[in-house]
Amino acid sequence: MFRKMLPVLRNRYIFSSLLFLIWISFFDRNNFITQYEYRKDLTKLKSEKQYLNNEILKNKTALDELIKSPESLEKFAREKYFMKKDEEDIFVMTLADGTRIR
C-alpha cells in the first residue's frame, strides 16, 4: 500500500497540499482543537446570556411590583434592609453559615 502511495506523494502539488492541510489542522493558531474550545466557550456564554436575560426580566418585574405597591415596598424594606416601625424591635441573628434570622 505504501508503495502505491509513494508515487502520489512524489507529486509536489499533492505533497504540498497535504503538508498545508496538516499544518492548518494541527499547528496553526486556529487549529481544530482551538476551534473546538472556542465553540465550547461560545455555547457556555450563550447559556450564561440566557440566564442573565432571565434574571433581568425577573428583576424588572420585581421592580415594577415595588413601584406599584406600597405594601410590597414595605415588605422588601423590612426583609432586605431590616427597617422597622417606631414601635417595633427587631432582633437579627446570624448563623454560622452566614444566613440571617429575624
N, C-alpha and C. Protein backbone atom coordinates (compact mmCIF):
# COMPACT_ATOMS: atom_id res chain seq x y z
N MET A 1 0.82 -1.18 0.00
CA MET A 1 0.00 0.00 0.00
C MET A 1 0.87 1.26 0.00
N PHE A 2 1.91 1.23 0.81
CA PHE A 2 2.79 2.39 0.86
C PHE A 2 3.49 2.61 -0.48
N ARG A 3 3.80 1.52 -1.18
CA ARG A 3 4.45 1.66 -2.49
C ARG A 3 3.52 2.29 -3.52
N LYS A 4 2.22 2.06 -3.36
CA LYS A 4 1.26 2.69 -4.27
C LYS A 4 1.12 4.18 -3.97
N MET A 5 1.26 4.55 -2.72
CA MET A 5 1.11 5.96 -2.35
C MET A 5 2.38 6.75 -2.61
N LEU A 6 3.52 6.12 -2.64
CA LEU A 6 4.79 6.82 -2.82
C LEU A 6 4.85 7.65 -4.10
N PRO A 7 4.42 7.14 -5.25
CA PRO A 7 4.44 7.99 -6.45
C PRO A 7 3.47 9.19 -6.34
N VAL A 8 2.37 9.00 -5.63
CA VAL A 8 1.43 10.09 -5.46
C VAL A 8 2.05 11.19 -4.59
N LEU A 9 2.77 10.78 -3.54
CA LEU A 9 3.39 11.75 -2.65
C LEU A 9 4.59 12.45 -3.30
N ARG A 10 5.13 11.86 -4.31
CA ARG A 10 6.25 12.50 -5.01
C ARG A 10 5.79 13.68 -5.86
N ASN A 11 4.53 13.70 -6.15
CA ASN A 11 3.99 14.86 -6.86
C ASN A 11 4.05 16.05 -5.90
N ARG A 12 4.75 17.08 -6.27
CA ARG A 12 4.98 18.19 -5.34
C ARG A 12 3.71 18.95 -4.99
N TYR A 13 2.74 18.99 -5.87
CA TYR A 13 1.49 19.70 -5.58
C TYR A 13 0.66 18.94 -4.54
N ILE A 14 0.59 17.65 -4.70
CA ILE A 14 -0.15 16.83 -3.73
C ILE A 14 0.57 16.84 -2.39
N PHE A 15 1.89 16.73 -2.43
CA PHE A 15 2.67 16.75 -1.19
C PHE A 15 2.52 18.09 -0.46
N SER A 16 2.62 19.18 -1.19
CA SER A 16 2.49 20.50 -0.55
C SER A 16 1.05 20.72 -0.05
N SER A 17 0.06 20.24 -0.78
CA SER A 17 -1.33 20.36 -0.32
C SER A 17 -1.55 19.55 0.95
N LEU A 18 -1.00 18.36 1.00
CA LEU A 18 -1.12 17.52 2.19
C LEU A 18 -0.40 18.16 3.38
N LEU A 19 0.78 18.68 3.13
CA LEU A 19 1.53 19.37 4.18
C LEU A 19 0.76 20.60 4.68
N PHE A 20 0.16 21.34 3.77
CA PHE A 20 -0.63 22.51 4.13
C PHE A 20 -1.84 22.11 4.99
N LEU A 21 -2.52 21.04 4.61
CA LEU A 21 -3.68 20.58 5.39
C LEU A 21 -3.27 20.14 6.80
N ILE A 22 -2.15 19.46 6.89
CA ILE A 22 -1.66 19.05 8.21
C ILE A 22 -1.31 20.27 9.05
N TRP A 23 -0.65 21.22 8.43
CA TRP A 23 -0.27 22.44 9.15
C TRP A 23 -1.51 23.19 9.65
N ILE A 24 -2.48 23.38 8.79
CA ILE A 24 -3.71 24.10 9.16
C ILE A 24 -4.48 23.33 10.23
N SER A 25 -4.48 22.02 10.15
CA SER A 25 -5.27 21.20 11.08
C SER A 25 -4.70 21.17 12.49
N PHE A 26 -3.38 21.16 12.63
CA PHE A 26 -2.82 20.91 13.95
C PHE A 26 -1.88 22.00 14.47
N PHE A 27 -1.20 22.74 13.62
CA PHE A 27 -0.17 23.64 14.10
C PHE A 27 -0.53 25.12 13.99
N ASP A 28 -1.55 25.44 13.28
CA ASP A 28 -1.93 26.84 13.09
C ASP A 28 -2.58 27.39 14.34
N ARG A 29 -2.66 28.71 14.44
CA ARG A 29 -3.28 29.36 15.58
C ARG A 29 -4.76 29.00 15.69
N ASN A 30 -5.42 28.76 14.60
CA ASN A 30 -6.85 28.42 14.58
C ASN A 30 -7.06 26.96 14.22
N ASN A 31 -6.34 26.07 14.89
CA ASN A 31 -6.45 24.65 14.57
C ASN A 31 -7.76 24.05 15.09
N PHE A 32 -7.93 22.76 14.86
CA PHE A 32 -9.18 22.10 15.23
C PHE A 32 -9.43 22.14 16.75
N ILE A 33 -8.40 21.95 17.53
CA ILE A 33 -8.56 21.94 18.98
C ILE A 33 -8.99 23.32 19.48
N THR A 34 -8.36 24.35 18.96
CA THR A 34 -8.73 25.70 19.35
C THR A 34 -10.15 26.03 18.92
N GLN A 35 -10.52 25.62 17.72
CA GLN A 35 -11.88 25.86 17.26
C GLN A 35 -12.91 25.15 18.14
N TYR A 36 -12.59 23.93 18.57
CA TYR A 36 -13.48 23.20 19.47
C TYR A 36 -13.64 23.94 20.79
N GLU A 37 -12.54 24.45 21.35
CA GLU A 37 -12.60 25.18 22.61
C GLU A 37 -13.39 26.49 22.45
N TYR A 38 -13.19 27.17 21.32
CA TYR A 38 -13.96 28.39 21.05
C TYR A 38 -15.45 28.08 20.97
N ARG A 39 -15.80 27.00 20.31
CA ARG A 39 -17.21 26.64 20.18
C ARG A 39 -17.81 26.27 21.53
N LYS A 40 -17.04 25.58 22.38
CA LYS A 40 -17.50 25.22 23.71
C LYS A 40 -17.69 26.49 24.56
N ASP A 41 -16.76 27.44 24.47
CA ASP A 41 -16.89 28.69 25.19
C ASP A 41 -18.10 29.48 24.70
N LEU A 42 -18.33 29.46 23.40
CA LEU A 42 -19.47 30.17 22.83
C LEU A 42 -20.79 29.59 23.36
N THR A 43 -20.88 28.28 23.42
CA THR A 43 -22.08 27.63 23.96
C THR A 43 -22.29 28.01 25.42
N LYS A 44 -21.20 28.02 26.19
CA LYS A 44 -21.29 28.40 27.60
C LYS A 44 -21.73 29.85 27.75
N LEU A 45 -21.17 30.74 26.93
CA LEU A 45 -21.54 32.15 27.01
C LEU A 45 -22.99 32.38 26.58
N LYS A 46 -23.47 31.62 25.61
CA LYS A 46 -24.87 31.76 25.19
C LYS A 46 -25.81 31.34 26.31
N SER A 47 -25.48 30.25 27.01
CA SER A 47 -26.34 29.82 28.11
C SER A 47 -26.28 30.82 29.26
N GLU A 48 -25.10 31.40 29.51
CA GLU A 48 -24.98 32.42 30.54
C GLU A 48 -25.76 33.67 30.17
N LYS A 49 -25.75 34.03 28.89
CA LYS A 49 -26.51 35.18 28.42
C LYS A 49 -28.00 34.95 28.63
N GLN A 50 -28.48 33.75 28.33
CA GLN A 50 -29.89 33.42 28.53
C GLN A 50 -30.26 33.51 30.00
N TYR A 51 -29.39 32.99 30.87
CA TYR A 51 -29.64 33.05 32.31
C TYR A 51 -29.71 34.50 32.78
N LEU A 52 -28.76 35.33 32.32
CA LEU A 52 -28.74 36.73 32.75
C LEU A 52 -29.95 37.50 32.21
N ASN A 53 -30.38 37.19 30.99
CA ASN A 53 -31.58 37.83 30.46
C ASN A 53 -32.81 37.47 31.29
N ASN A 54 -32.88 36.21 31.72
CA ASN A 54 -33.98 35.79 32.59
C ASN A 54 -33.93 36.52 33.93
N GLU A 55 -32.73 36.70 34.47
CA GLU A 55 -32.58 37.42 35.74
C GLU A 55 -32.98 38.88 35.58
N ILE A 56 -32.63 39.50 34.47
CA ILE A 56 -33.01 40.89 34.21
C ILE A 56 -34.53 41.01 34.14
N LEU A 57 -35.16 40.08 33.44
CA LEU A 57 -36.63 40.10 33.34
C LEU A 57 -37.27 39.92 34.71
N LYS A 58 -36.73 39.01 35.51
CA LYS A 58 -37.27 38.78 36.85
C LYS A 58 -37.10 40.03 37.73
N ASN A 59 -35.94 40.68 37.63
CA ASN A 59 -35.71 41.88 38.42
C ASN A 59 -36.58 43.05 37.97
N LYS A 60 -36.84 43.14 36.65
CA LYS A 60 -37.72 44.21 36.16
C LYS A 60 -39.14 44.03 36.68
N THR A 61 -39.62 42.79 36.70
CA THR A 61 -40.98 42.56 37.21
C THR A 61 -41.04 42.84 38.72
N ALA A 62 -39.98 42.48 39.45
CA ALA A 62 -39.94 42.78 40.88
C ALA A 62 -39.91 44.28 41.11
N LEU A 63 -39.15 45.01 40.31
CA LEU A 63 -39.09 46.46 40.43
C LEU A 63 -40.44 47.10 40.12
N ASP A 64 -41.10 46.62 39.08
CA ASP A 64 -42.43 47.14 38.75
C ASP A 64 -43.41 46.93 39.90
N GLU A 65 -43.33 45.76 40.52
CA GLU A 65 -44.22 45.48 41.65
C GLU A 65 -43.88 46.37 42.84
N LEU A 66 -42.60 46.63 43.08
CA LEU A 66 -42.21 47.51 44.18
C LEU A 66 -42.69 48.94 43.94
N ILE A 67 -42.64 49.38 42.71
CA ILE A 67 -43.07 50.74 42.39
C ILE A 67 -44.59 50.88 42.51
N LYS A 68 -45.33 49.87 42.10
CA LYS A 68 -46.79 49.95 42.07
C LYS A 68 -47.44 49.73 43.43
N SER A 69 -46.84 48.91 44.27
CA SER A 69 -47.50 48.52 45.51
C SER A 69 -46.70 48.97 46.74
N PRO A 70 -47.28 49.83 47.58
CA PRO A 70 -46.57 50.25 48.80
C PRO A 70 -46.39 49.11 49.81
N GLU A 71 -47.30 48.14 49.79
CA GLU A 71 -47.17 47.00 50.72
C GLU A 71 -45.95 46.15 50.37
N SER A 72 -45.75 45.93 49.09
CA SER A 72 -44.59 45.13 48.69
C SER A 72 -43.29 45.90 48.93
N LEU A 73 -43.33 47.23 48.80
CA LEU A 73 -42.16 48.05 49.08
C LEU A 73 -41.81 47.96 50.57
N GLU A 74 -42.84 48.02 51.42
CA GLU A 74 -42.60 47.91 52.86
C GLU A 74 -42.04 46.52 53.20
N LYS A 75 -42.60 45.48 52.60
CA LYS A 75 -42.11 44.12 52.85
C LYS A 75 -40.66 43.98 52.41
N PHE A 76 -40.33 44.53 51.25
CA PHE A 76 -38.95 44.47 50.75
C PHE A 76 -38.00 45.20 51.69
N ALA A 77 -38.39 46.40 52.15
CA ALA A 77 -37.53 47.17 53.05
C ALA A 77 -37.32 46.44 54.37
N ARG A 78 -38.37 45.81 54.86
CA ARG A 78 -38.24 45.07 56.13
C ARG A 78 -37.33 43.85 55.98
N GLU A 79 -37.48 43.12 54.88
CA GLU A 79 -36.70 41.89 54.70
C GLU A 79 -35.25 42.17 54.32
N LYS A 80 -35.05 43.10 53.43
CA LYS A 80 -33.72 43.32 52.88
C LYS A 80 -32.86 44.23 53.76
N TYR A 81 -33.45 45.31 54.25
CA TYR A 81 -32.68 46.31 54.98
C TYR A 81 -33.02 46.38 56.46
N PHE A 82 -33.83 45.45 56.95
CA PHE A 82 -34.19 45.34 58.37
C PHE A 82 -34.77 46.64 58.92
N MET A 83 -35.57 47.32 58.11
CA MET A 83 -36.23 48.53 58.58
C MET A 83 -37.42 48.13 59.44
N LYS A 84 -37.81 49.07 60.33
CA LYS A 84 -38.89 48.76 61.26
C LYS A 84 -39.75 49.99 61.49
N LYS A 85 -40.90 49.74 62.08
CA LYS A 85 -41.76 50.84 62.51
C LYS A 85 -41.26 51.33 63.86
N ASP A 86 -41.74 52.49 64.28
CA ASP A 86 -41.24 53.08 65.52
C ASP A 86 -41.49 52.21 66.75
N GLU A 87 -42.63 51.53 66.79
CA GLU A 87 -42.98 50.76 67.99
C GLU A 87 -42.46 49.32 67.95
N GLU A 88 -41.68 48.97 66.96
CA GLU A 88 -41.20 47.59 66.83
C GLU A 88 -39.73 47.47 67.25
N ASP A 89 -39.37 46.26 67.65
CA ASP A 89 -37.97 45.90 67.90
C ASP A 89 -37.63 44.72 67.00
N ILE A 90 -36.45 44.77 66.39
CA ILE A 90 -36.02 43.69 65.50
C ILE A 90 -34.76 43.07 66.07
N PHE A 91 -34.75 41.76 66.15
CA PHE A 91 -33.57 41.02 66.58
C PHE A 91 -33.07 40.21 65.39
N VAL A 92 -31.81 40.44 65.03
CA VAL A 92 -31.23 39.74 63.89
C VAL A 92 -30.14 38.82 64.41
N MET A 93 -30.26 37.54 64.07
CA MET A 93 -29.25 36.56 64.47
C MET A 93 -28.61 36.01 63.20
N THR A 94 -27.31 35.94 63.19
CA THR A 94 -26.59 35.40 62.05
C THR A 94 -26.08 34.01 62.42
N LEU A 95 -26.42 33.02 61.61
CA LEU A 95 -25.97 31.65 61.86
C LEU A 95 -24.53 31.48 61.39
N ALA A 96 -23.94 30.35 61.68
CA ALA A 96 -22.55 30.08 61.31
C ALA A 96 -22.35 30.06 59.80
N ASP A 97 -23.38 29.68 59.05
CA ASP A 97 -23.23 29.63 57.58
C ASP A 97 -23.52 30.96 56.91
N GLY A 98 -23.81 32.02 57.71
CA GLY A 98 -24.00 33.35 57.15
C GLY A 98 -25.44 33.75 56.93
N THR A 99 -26.38 32.83 57.16
CA THR A 99 -27.78 33.18 56.97
C THR A 99 -28.26 33.98 58.17
N ARG A 100 -29.20 34.88 57.92
CA ARG A 100 -29.72 35.73 58.97
C ARG A 100 -31.15 35.34 59.29
N ILE A 101 -31.46 35.36 60.56
CA ILE A 101 -32.80 35.04 61.05
C ILE A 101 -33.31 36.29 61.77
N ARG A 102 -34.56 36.66 61.45
CA ARG A 102 -35.16 37.81 62.14
C ARG A 102 -36.06 37.32 63.23
